[in-house]
Amino acid sequence: MRKPRTGHSGAERKRRKLILVAAAGSIALGGAAAVVPSAFAEDEPATTLLDDALLDGTAELMPVDDDLLGLVDVGEVSELAESLTYADDADVLKVSGPDAGYVKVHFERLLLNTGDFVTVSSPDGAESYRYEESLIDQWATSITGDTAIVELHRESEGGSSALGVLIDKAAYGFTTEEVDGLAQERADNARPEESVCEGDEKRPSVCYRSTHPDVVDRAEPVARLLIDGTVLCTAFRVGEGNRLLTNHHCFTETQEAQGTEVWFGYDCAVCGADIANAPVKVNGAEVLATSKSLDYTLFTVDDFARIEDFGYLELSDRAARSGEEIYIPQHPAGRPTEIAIESSVDGGNCVVKHEQYDGYVADSDISYYCDTEFGSSGSPVLSRDTHEVIALHHFGGCPNSGVNARLIEKEIGHLI
């Protein structure tokens, strides 16, 4: 188990400090960390001095139990061999998985004449996405429910079998009941290292609308991620521009970002009712910077105008304080937005337990007993006083922990 800074012997403290001595203070609160500019020239995510030190062996990662990371598949991918080509008589294809929570088709190839397009829709047409440009090896946006309707819209009949859409696989989401079962199984198997620390005290964000309206407002920029059709994480808008932040262990490369759906506005409509608002779904576009050691990935989305009105959060440039009241808006197990603000472990309110705690590297994190689950990775930990992000949640373990936002801001503040 990772240990807080307090309570260590002098020898152990010395060993932990030696781990990072070659990083020249790049993770110290008063030190400087830099982004490597050449990474942008080659369209690769930026790296940091600390990450470079890890690679060349002059620094090392702390031992971390992968079970604490909270990544669980919530769907399965099946191979398909379906097509709608210009040489076919049919223009409509149904892709269905009995009782699936969602269906997400994958285009092996999409080649169209100018003016033609393909739609992927729900059977009732309430959810529909249009594709006009040629695509290779790309996921379509998911359709909620067990059936997706793929339709080829073309101006003229007949043509080449080389034109049209080829579908080589589809991801079928597990039902809500199955995902809830995975969450319970994970908690049971992980005890006493579970992320729900003493009874699940998270509540849907709408339940705090009358009592904590300022907290609910800060949950608006928090988004649900569906990665590669089957994996869940959380992200949030940071700064006024097209910038979002999640964990490095969620994804690290632009190709992975482009295979990730980003859902905004996915909230419960009424407190106590299992009815969710329809989310606004966009896709990831480009990874701008990523760090294994501080477990962050900064990225953009492809249709920023659609999600701009959800607002944004700001990274704090100060150190977190032990005892400081906090809250965490998140998408645990992919559910509509929930907020962890109460903690019976802490006597009522979630607070910072340790202002320095081991993450991937020594003393990079803060710790807390706010409840989280798989799918919460990448959530913002916010101060109740300032509503600034003071940590980027990434580990369970009770206490759970997040990377100190001040360290992240020092590395990528100029990119936000």
Protein backbone atom coordinates (compact mmCIF):
# COMPACT_ATOMS: atom_id res chain seq x y z
CA MET A 1 0.00 0.00 0.00
CA ARG A 2 1.20 3.51 -0.71
CA LYS A 3 1.99 5.44 2.44
CA PRO A 4 1.56 9.10 3.35
CA ARG A 5 4.58 11.19 4.01
CA THR A 6 3.86 11.49 7.73
CA GLY A 7 4.80 8.50 9.89
CA HIS A 8 7.83 7.30 7.86
CA SER A 9 11.17 6.59 9.45
CA GLY A 10 14.04 8.91 8.63
CA ALA A 11 15.75 6.19 6.57
CA GLU A 12 12.66 5.64 4.44
CA ARG A 13 12.19 9.35 3.87
CA LYS A 14 15.79 9.56 2.70
CA ARG A 15 15.30 6.65 0.30
CA ARG A 16 12.21 8.24 -1.20
CA LYS A 17 13.98 11.54 -1.70
CA LEU A 18 16.84 9.78 -3.45
CA ILE A 19 14.41 8.30 -5.95
CA LEU A 20 13.93 11.70 -7.53
CA VAL A 21 17.28 13.34 -6.92
CA ALA A 22 18.29 13.10 -10.58
CA ALA A 23 15.11 14.84 -11.68
CA ALA A 24 16.67 18.06 -10.38
CA GLY A 25 13.61 19.12 -8.44
CA SER A 26 11.26 18.90 -11.41
CA ILE A 27 8.44 17.63 -9.20
CA ALA A 28 9.20 19.81 -6.18
CA LEU A 29 6.59 22.44 -5.49
CA GLY A 30 9.15 25.15 -5.97
CA GLY A 31 10.98 23.51 -8.86
CA ALA A 32 10.52 23.82 -12.58
CA ALA A 33 9.28 21.20 -15.00
CA ALA A 34 9.38 21.68 -18.73
CA VAL A 35 7.55 20.45 -21.78
CA VAL A 36 9.78 19.30 -24.62
CA PRO A 37 8.96 21.62 -27.57
CA SER A 38 10.22 19.23 -30.25
CA ALA A 39 7.42 16.82 -29.42
CA PHE A 40 4.90 19.13 -31.06
CA ALA A 41 6.84 19.34 -34.31
CA GLU A 42 6.38 15.60 -34.83
CA ASP A 43 2.73 15.61 -33.75
CA GLU A 44 3.55 13.57 -30.66
CA PRO A 45 2.35 14.38 -27.14
CA ALA A 46 4.78 16.39 -25.07
CA THR A 47 6.86 14.74 -22.38
CA THR A 48 8.37 16.20 -19.23
CA LEU A 49 11.81 16.28 -17.66
CA LEU A 50 10.60 13.92 -14.95
CA ASP A 51 9.30 11.43 -17.49
CA ASP A 52 12.63 11.61 -19.33
CA ALA A 53 14.41 10.88 -16.06
CA LEU A 54 12.19 7.83 -15.58
CA LEU A 55 13.02 6.59 -19.07
CA ASP A 56 16.78 6.91 -18.72
CA GLY A 57 16.79 5.27 -15.30
CA THR A 58 17.88 8.27 -13.22
CA ALA A 59 14.50 8.28 -11.48
CA GLU A 60 12.01 5.52 -10.77
CA LEU A 61 8.30 5.02 -10.32
CA MET A 62 6.83 4.05 -6.98
CA PRO A 63 5.26 0.56 -6.88
CA VAL A 64 1.57 0.87 -7.73
CA ASP A 65 -1.09 -1.85 -7.62
CA ASP A 66 -2.81 -1.78 -11.02
CA ASP A 67 -6.08 -2.75 -9.33
CA LEU A 68 -6.17 0.75 -7.84
CA LEU A 69 -6.37 2.35 -11.29
CA GLY A 70 -10.06 1.68 -11.80
CA LEU A 71 -10.12 0.60 -15.47
CA VAL A 72 -12.76 -2.03 -16.22
CA ASP A 73 -14.28 -3.08 -19.54
CA VAL A 74 -18.01 -2.26 -19.63
CA GLY A 75 -18.66 -3.80 -23.02
CA GLU A 76 -17.34 -6.31 -25.50
CA VAL A 77 -16.24 -6.05 -29.12
CA SER A 78 -17.52 -8.52 -31.72
CA GLU A 79 -16.14 -9.00 -35.21
CA LEU A 80 -18.52 -8.23 -38.09
CA ALA A 81 -18.40 -8.40 -41.88
CA GLU A 82 -21.15 -6.01 -42.95
CA SER A 83 -21.23 -3.48 -45.78
CA LEU A 84 -23.36 -1.01 -47.69
CA THR A 85 -21.74 -0.32 -51.04
CA TYR A 86 -22.77 1.63 -54.13
CA ALA A 87 -23.22 -1.70 -55.92
CA ASP A 88 -25.77 -2.99 -53.39
CA ASP A 89 -29.53 -2.65 -53.66
CA ALA A 90 -29.93 -2.07 -49.91
CA ASP A 91 -29.09 1.26 -48.28
CA VAL A 92 -29.92 0.36 -44.67
CA LEU A 93 -28.17 -1.99 -42.24
CA LYS A 94 -29.21 -2.88 -38.69
CA VAL A 95 -26.50 -3.68 -36.12
CA SER A 96 -27.99 -5.14 -32.95
CA GLY A 97 -26.88 -6.77 -29.72
CA PRO A 98 -29.69 -8.21 -27.59
CA ASP A 99 -30.09 -6.21 -24.35
CA ALA A 100 -26.96 -4.13 -25.06
CA GLY A 101 -26.67 -0.84 -23.21
CA TYR A 102 -25.18 0.78 -26.31
CA VAL A 103 -24.02 -0.16 -29.80
CA LYS A 104 -20.91 1.39 -31.33
CA VAL A 105 -19.99 0.41 -34.89
CA HIS A 106 -16.48 0.56 -36.32
CA PHE A 107 -15.79 1.67 -39.89
CA GLU A 108 -13.04 -0.35 -41.50
CA ARG A 109 -13.48 1.95 -44.48
CA LEU A 110 -15.86 4.73 -45.45
CA LEU A 111 -15.50 6.06 -49.03
CA LEU A 112 -18.16 8.34 -50.47
CA ASN A 113 -18.87 10.46 -53.52
CA THR A 114 -19.06 14.21 -52.93
CA GLY A 115 -22.43 15.12 -51.45
CA ASP A 116 -23.21 11.61 -50.17
CA PHE A 117 -23.18 10.68 -46.48
CA VAL A 118 -23.79 7.91 -43.96
CA THR A 119 -25.88 8.16 -40.79
CA VAL A 120 -25.74 6.00 -37.68
CA SER A 121 -28.97 6.39 -35.73
CA SER A 122 -31.23 4.92 -33.10
CA PRO A 123 -34.30 3.13 -34.48
CA ASP A 124 -36.56 6.06 -33.54
CA GLY A 125 -34.15 8.64 -34.98
CA ALA A 126 -33.85 10.47 -31.65
CA GLU A 127 -30.06 9.97 -31.72
CA SER A 128 -28.30 10.31 -35.05
CA TYR A 129 -24.77 11.04 -36.28
CA ARG A 130 -23.77 12.00 -39.83
CA TYR A 131 -20.52 11.12 -41.61
CA GLU A 132 -19.65 12.93 -44.84
CA GLU A 133 -15.88 12.50 -45.11
CA SER A 134 -13.89 9.40 -46.01
CA LEU A 135 -12.67 7.49 -42.98
CA ILE A 136 -10.31 4.59 -42.37
CA ASP A 137 -10.26 2.57 -39.13
CA GLN A 138 -12.60 4.84 -37.16
CA TRP A 139 -15.29 4.26 -34.53
CA ALA A 140 -18.69 5.83 -35.05
CA THR A 141 -20.35 7.54 -32.09
CA SER A 142 -22.25 5.12 -29.87
CA ILE A 143 -26.02 4.73 -29.98
CA THR A 144 -27.78 4.22 -26.66
CA GLY A 145 -29.79 1.00 -26.63
CA ASP A 146 -29.35 -2.36 -28.32
CA THR A 147 -29.72 -1.36 -31.99
CA ALA A 148 -27.95 1.02 -34.37
CA ILE A 149 -29.28 1.77 -37.86
CA VAL A 150 -26.59 2.47 -40.47
CA GLU A 151 -27.90 4.15 -43.62
CA LEU A 152 -26.10 5.12 -46.84
CA HIS A 153 -27.50 8.32 -48.37
CA ARG A 154 -26.49 8.75 -52.03
CA GLU A 155 -27.67 10.92 -54.87
CA SER A 156 -27.56 8.30 -57.63
CA GLU A 157 -28.25 4.58 -57.89
CA GLY A 158 -25.62 2.02 -58.85
CA GLY A 159 -21.88 2.35 -58.75
CA SER A 160 -18.71 0.67 -57.59
CA SER A 161 -18.52 -1.85 -54.77
CA ALA A 162 -15.34 -0.05 -53.68
CA LEU A 163 -17.47 2.90 -52.53
CA GLY A 164 -19.64 2.83 -49.44
CA VAL A 165 -19.11 1.68 -45.86
CA LEU A 166 -17.45 -1.48 -44.53
CA ILE A 167 -18.13 -2.37 -40.88
CA ASP A 168 -15.64 -4.83 -39.40
CA LYS A 169 -16.67 -4.81 -35.72
CA ALA A 170 -19.03 -3.37 -33.15
CA ALA A 171 -18.84 -2.74 -29.41
CA TYR A 172 -21.87 -3.76 -27.36
CA GLY A 173 -22.21 -2.17 -23.94
CA PHE A 174 -23.21 -4.16 -20.90
CA THR A 175 -26.56 -3.37 -19.32
CA THR A 176 -26.79 -1.01 -16.34
CA GLU A 177 -27.40 -3.99 -14.09
CA GLU A 178 -24.30 -5.76 -15.39
CA VAL A 179 -22.13 -2.66 -14.90
CA ASP A 180 -23.48 -2.20 -11.37
CA GLY A 181 -22.64 -5.85 -10.73
CA LEU A 182 -19.07 -5.27 -11.93
CA ALA A 183 -18.79 -2.31 -9.58
CA GLN A 184 -19.98 -4.39 -6.62
CA GLU A 185 -17.75 -7.31 -7.52
CA ARG A 186 -14.74 -5.03 -7.81
CA ALA A 187 -15.46 -3.47 -4.43
CA ASP A 188 -15.90 -6.89 -2.80
CA ASN A 189 -12.69 -8.27 -4.30
CA ALA A 190 -10.67 -5.19 -3.41
CA ARG A 191 -11.64 -4.85 0.24
CA PRO A 192 -10.27 -3.43 2.40
CA GLU A 193 -8.60 -1.43 -0.40
CA GLU A 194 -11.84 -0.34 -2.03
CA SER A 195 -12.47 3.16 -3.31
CA VAL A 196 -15.87 3.45 -1.62
CA CYS A 197 -14.52 3.98 1.85
CA GLU A 198 -17.36 3.61 4.35
CA GLY A 199 -20.72 3.32 2.66
CA ASP A 200 -21.26 4.98 -0.71
CA GLU A 201 -22.03 8.62 0.03
CA LYS A 202 -21.86 9.93 -3.55
CA ARG A 203 -25.13 11.35 -4.87
CA PRO A 204 -26.36 12.39 -8.33
CA SER A 205 -25.44 16.01 -9.00
CA VAL A 206 -29.09 17.06 -9.38
CA CYS A 207 -29.70 16.11 -5.74
CA TYR A 208 -27.47 19.01 -4.66
CA ARG A 209 -29.08 21.62 -6.91
CA SER A 210 -30.99 23.37 -4.11
CA THR A 211 -28.42 22.98 -1.31
CA HIS A 212 -25.13 23.40 -3.20
CA PRO A 213 -25.88 25.19 -6.49
CA ASP A 214 -22.31 26.45 -6.81
CA VAL A 215 -20.98 22.89 -6.55
CA VAL A 216 -23.45 21.60 -9.15
CA ASP A 217 -22.43 24.40 -11.53
CA ARG A 218 -18.80 23.25 -11.30
CA ALA A 219 -19.87 19.72 -12.27
CA GLU A 220 -21.06 20.94 -15.69
CA PRO A 221 -17.55 20.91 -17.29
CA VAL A 222 -17.02 17.28 -16.19
CA ALA A 223 -17.43 14.67 -18.94
CA ARG A 224 -17.84 10.91 -19.23
CA LEU A 225 -15.29 9.14 -21.46
CA LEU A 226 -15.95 5.98 -23.47
CA ILE A 227 -12.55 4.80 -24.72
CA ASP A 228 -12.17 2.39 -27.63
CA GLY A 229 -15.77 1.31 -27.25
CA THR A 230 -15.45 -0.44 -23.89
CA VAL A 231 -13.43 1.45 -21.23
CA LEU A 232 -14.66 4.24 -18.95
CA CYS A 233 -12.90 7.28 -17.51
CA THR A 234 -13.78 10.87 -16.60
CA ALA A 235 -12.36 14.14 -17.94
CA PHE A 236 -13.04 17.85 -17.55
CA ARG A 237 -12.63 21.08 -19.45
CA VAL A 238 -9.72 23.12 -18.14
CA GLY A 239 -9.33 26.78 -19.13
CA GLU A 240 -11.40 28.77 -21.61
CA GLY A 241 -10.11 27.11 -24.77
CA ASN A 242 -10.44 23.67 -26.31
CA ARG A 243 -8.55 21.81 -23.58
CA LEU A 244 -9.56 18.77 -21.53
CA LEU A 245 -7.71 16.86 -18.85
CA THR A 246 -7.84 13.19 -17.90
CA ASN A 247 -5.39 10.53 -16.69
CA HIS A 248 -2.41 9.20 -18.61
CA HIS A 249 -3.55 5.70 -17.66
CA CYS A 250 -6.84 6.36 -19.54
CA PHE A 251 -5.12 7.15 -22.85
CA THR A 252 -1.90 8.74 -24.06
CA GLU A 253 -1.91 9.15 -27.86
CA THR A 254 -3.84 11.15 -30.43
CA GLN A 255 -5.08 7.98 -32.12
CA GLU A 256 -6.54 6.84 -28.80
CA ALA A 257 -8.11 10.26 -28.23
CA GLN A 258 -9.81 10.02 -31.61
CA GLY A 259 -11.28 6.67 -30.56
CA THR A 260 -12.72 8.23 -27.40
CA GLU A 261 -16.21 9.63 -26.94
CA VAL A 262 -16.57 12.63 -24.61
CA TRP A 263 -20.05 13.03 -23.10
CA PHE A 264 -21.19 16.33 -21.61
CA GLY A 265 -24.49 16.97 -19.86
CA TYR A 266 -24.95 13.34 -18.89
CA ASP A 267 -26.84 13.93 -15.66
CA CYS A 268 -29.86 12.56 -13.85
CA ALA A 269 -32.96 14.55 -14.75
CA VAL A 270 -34.58 14.22 -11.31
CA CYS A 271 -33.13 13.33 -7.91
CA GLY A 272 -34.19 9.81 -6.98
CA ALA A 273 -35.31 8.82 -10.48
CA ASP A 274 -33.37 6.62 -12.86
CA ILE A 275 -33.82 8.99 -15.81
CA ALA A 276 -30.82 10.61 -17.49
CA ASN A 277 -30.63 13.63 -19.76
CA ALA A 278 -29.43 12.92 -23.29
CA PRO A 279 -25.71 13.75 -23.41
CA VAL A 280 -23.89 15.86 -25.97
CA LYS A 281 -21.31 13.51 -27.51
CA VAL A 282 -18.14 14.71 -29.18
CA ASN A 283 -14.90 12.87 -29.96
CA GLY A 284 -11.36 13.42 -28.78
CA ALA A 285 -9.10 15.04 -31.37
CA GLU A 286 -5.45 15.57 -30.36
CA VAL A 287 -3.25 14.81 -27.37
CA LEU A 288 -1.19 17.91 -26.54
CA ALA A 289 0.76 16.66 -23.52
CA THR A 290 0.91 13.54 -21.37
CA SER A 291 2.88 12.36 -18.35
CA LYS A 292 3.24 8.90 -16.86
CA SER A 293 4.78 10.23 -13.66
CA LEU A 294 2.01 12.78 -12.97
CA ASP A 295 -0.63 10.63 -14.69
CA TYR A 296 -2.25 13.31 -16.85
CA THR A 297 -3.19 13.69 -20.49
CA LEU A 298 -4.17 17.06 -21.96
CA PHE A 299 -6.25 16.80 -25.14
CA THR A 300 -8.72 18.55 -27.43
CA VAL A 301 -12.09 17.57 -28.92
CA ASP A 302 -13.24 17.71 -32.52
CA ASP A 303 -16.40 19.83 -32.19
CA PHE A 304 -15.58 22.28 -29.44
CA ALA A 305 -18.44 24.68 -30.23
CA ARG A 306 -20.99 22.05 -29.17
CA ILE A 307 -19.59 21.76 -25.64
CA GLU A 308 -18.24 25.27 -25.02
CA ASP A 309 -21.33 26.36 -23.07
CA PHE A 310 -20.73 23.71 -20.41
CA GLY A 311 -18.09 25.99 -18.91
CA TYR A 312 -14.62 25.19 -17.60
CA LEU A 313 -12.55 24.69 -14.46
CA GLU A 314 -9.18 26.14 -13.45
CA LEU A 315 -6.12 24.43 -12.01
CA SER A 316 -4.91 25.77 -8.69
CA ASP A 317 -1.34 27.02 -8.45
CA ARG A 318 -1.14 26.60 -4.68
CA ALA A 319 -0.51 23.64 -2.42
CA ALA A 320 -3.49 21.79 -0.98
CA ARG A 321 -3.97 22.01 2.79
CA SER A 322 -4.63 19.12 5.15
CA GLY A 323 -8.22 19.41 6.40
CA GLU A 324 -9.33 21.53 3.45
CA GLU A 325 -12.91 20.73 2.40
CA ILE A 326 -13.21 19.28 -1.10
CA TYR A 327 -15.65 17.63 -3.51
CA ILE A 328 -15.34 15.41 -6.59
CA PRO A 329 -17.77 15.53 -9.56
CA GLN A 330 -17.36 12.26 -11.47
CA HIS A 331 -18.89 9.54 -13.64
CA PRO A 332 -18.45 6.44 -11.45
CA ALA A 333 -19.07 3.21 -13.39
CA GLY A 334 -20.11 5.45 -16.29
CA ARG A 335 -23.27 6.59 -14.52
CA PRO A 336 -24.71 10.11 -14.86
CA THR A 337 -22.75 12.74 -12.94
CA GLU A 338 -22.40 12.08 -9.23
CA ILE A 339 -20.70 14.26 -6.64
CA ALA A 340 -18.70 13.06 -3.64
CA ILE A 341 -18.93 15.84 -1.07
CA GLU A 342 -19.86 13.98 2.11
CA SER A 343 -17.65 11.56 4.06
CA SER A 344 -18.57 9.87 7.32
CA VAL A 345 -14.91 8.88 7.66
CA ASP A 346 -14.08 12.58 7.96
CA GLY A 347 -17.00 13.40 10.22
CA GLY A 348 -19.31 14.80 7.55
CA ASN A 349 -17.49 16.62 4.77
CA CYS A 350 -14.84 15.34 2.38
CA VAL A 351 -11.47 16.83 3.29
CA VAL A 352 -7.84 16.54 2.28
CA LYS A 353 -6.35 13.84 4.51
CA HIS A 354 -2.69 14.12 3.51
CA GLU A 355 -1.38 17.11 1.60
CA GLN A 356 1.56 14.97 0.43
CA TYR A 357 1.01 11.34 -0.55
CA ASP A 358 2.73 8.86 -2.84
CA GLY A 359 1.38 8.51 -6.36
CA TYR A 360 3.42 7.19 -9.26
CA VAL A 361 6.27 9.14 -7.67
CA ALA A 362 6.91 10.14 -4.08
CA ASP A 363 4.78 12.97 -2.65
CA SER A 364 3.08 13.77 -5.96
CA ASP A 365 -0.47 13.26 -4.65
CA ILE A 366 -2.92 14.43 -2.04
CA SER A 367 -5.19 11.90 -0.33
CA TYR A 368 -8.85 11.88 0.80
CA TYR A 369 -11.72 9.58 1.74
CA CYS A 370 -14.20 10.92 -0.82
CA ASP A 371 -15.89 7.92 -2.45
CA THR A 372 -14.96 7.02 -6.05
CA GLU A 373 -15.35 3.96 -8.29
CA PHE A 374 -13.94 2.60 -11.52
CA GLY A 375 -14.73 5.13 -14.23
CA SER A 376 -13.90 8.02 -11.88
CA SER A 377 -10.28 8.19 -13.05
CA GLY A 378 -9.61 11.67 -14.43
CA SER A 379 -12.11 13.48 -12.20
CA PRO A 380 -11.30 16.89 -10.75
CA VAL A 381 -10.87 17.27 -6.99
CA LEU A 382 -12.09 20.78 -6.17
CA SER A 383 -11.68 23.06 -3.15
CA ARG A 384 -14.95 24.01 -1.47
CA ASP A 385 -13.50 27.46 -0.77
CA THR A 386 -12.17 28.46 -4.19
CA HIS A 387 -13.78 25.88 -6.51
CA GLU A 388 -10.38 25.46 -8.15
CA VAL A 389 -9.05 22.04 -9.10
CA ILE A 390 -6.50 21.07 -6.47
CA ALA A 391 -5.94 17.48 -7.66
CA LEU A 392 -6.56 15.12 -10.57
CA HIS A 393 -8.10 11.93 -9.15
CA HIS A 394 -6.44 8.69 -10.24
CA PHE A 395 -6.16 6.06 -7.47
CA GLY A 396 -8.46 4.21 -5.10
CA GLY A 397 -7.17 2.62 -1.92
CA CYS A 398 -8.92 4.40 0.98
CA PRO A 399 -7.50 6.87 1.27
CA ASN A 400 -8.00 7.57 -2.41
CA SER A 401 -5.67 10.01 -4.08
CA GLY A 402 -5.17 12.50 -6.87
CA VAL A 403 -2.15 14.20 -8.42
CA ASN A 404 -1.47 17.62 -6.94
CA ALA A 405 -2.84 20.08 -9.53
CA ARG A 406 -0.08 22.56 -8.71
CA LEU A 407 2.48 20.15 -10.15
CA ILE A 408 0.44 19.68 -13.32
CA GLU A 409 -0.14 23.41 -13.71
CA LYS A 410 3.61 24.04 -13.49
CA GLU A 411 4.20 21.67 -16.40
CA ILE A 412 1.35 22.52 -18.80
CA GLY A 413 -0.10 25.82 -17.58
CA HIS A 414 1.30 27.55 -20.66
CA LEU A 415 -0.67 25.16 -22.91
CA ILE A 416 -4.03 25.88 -21.26
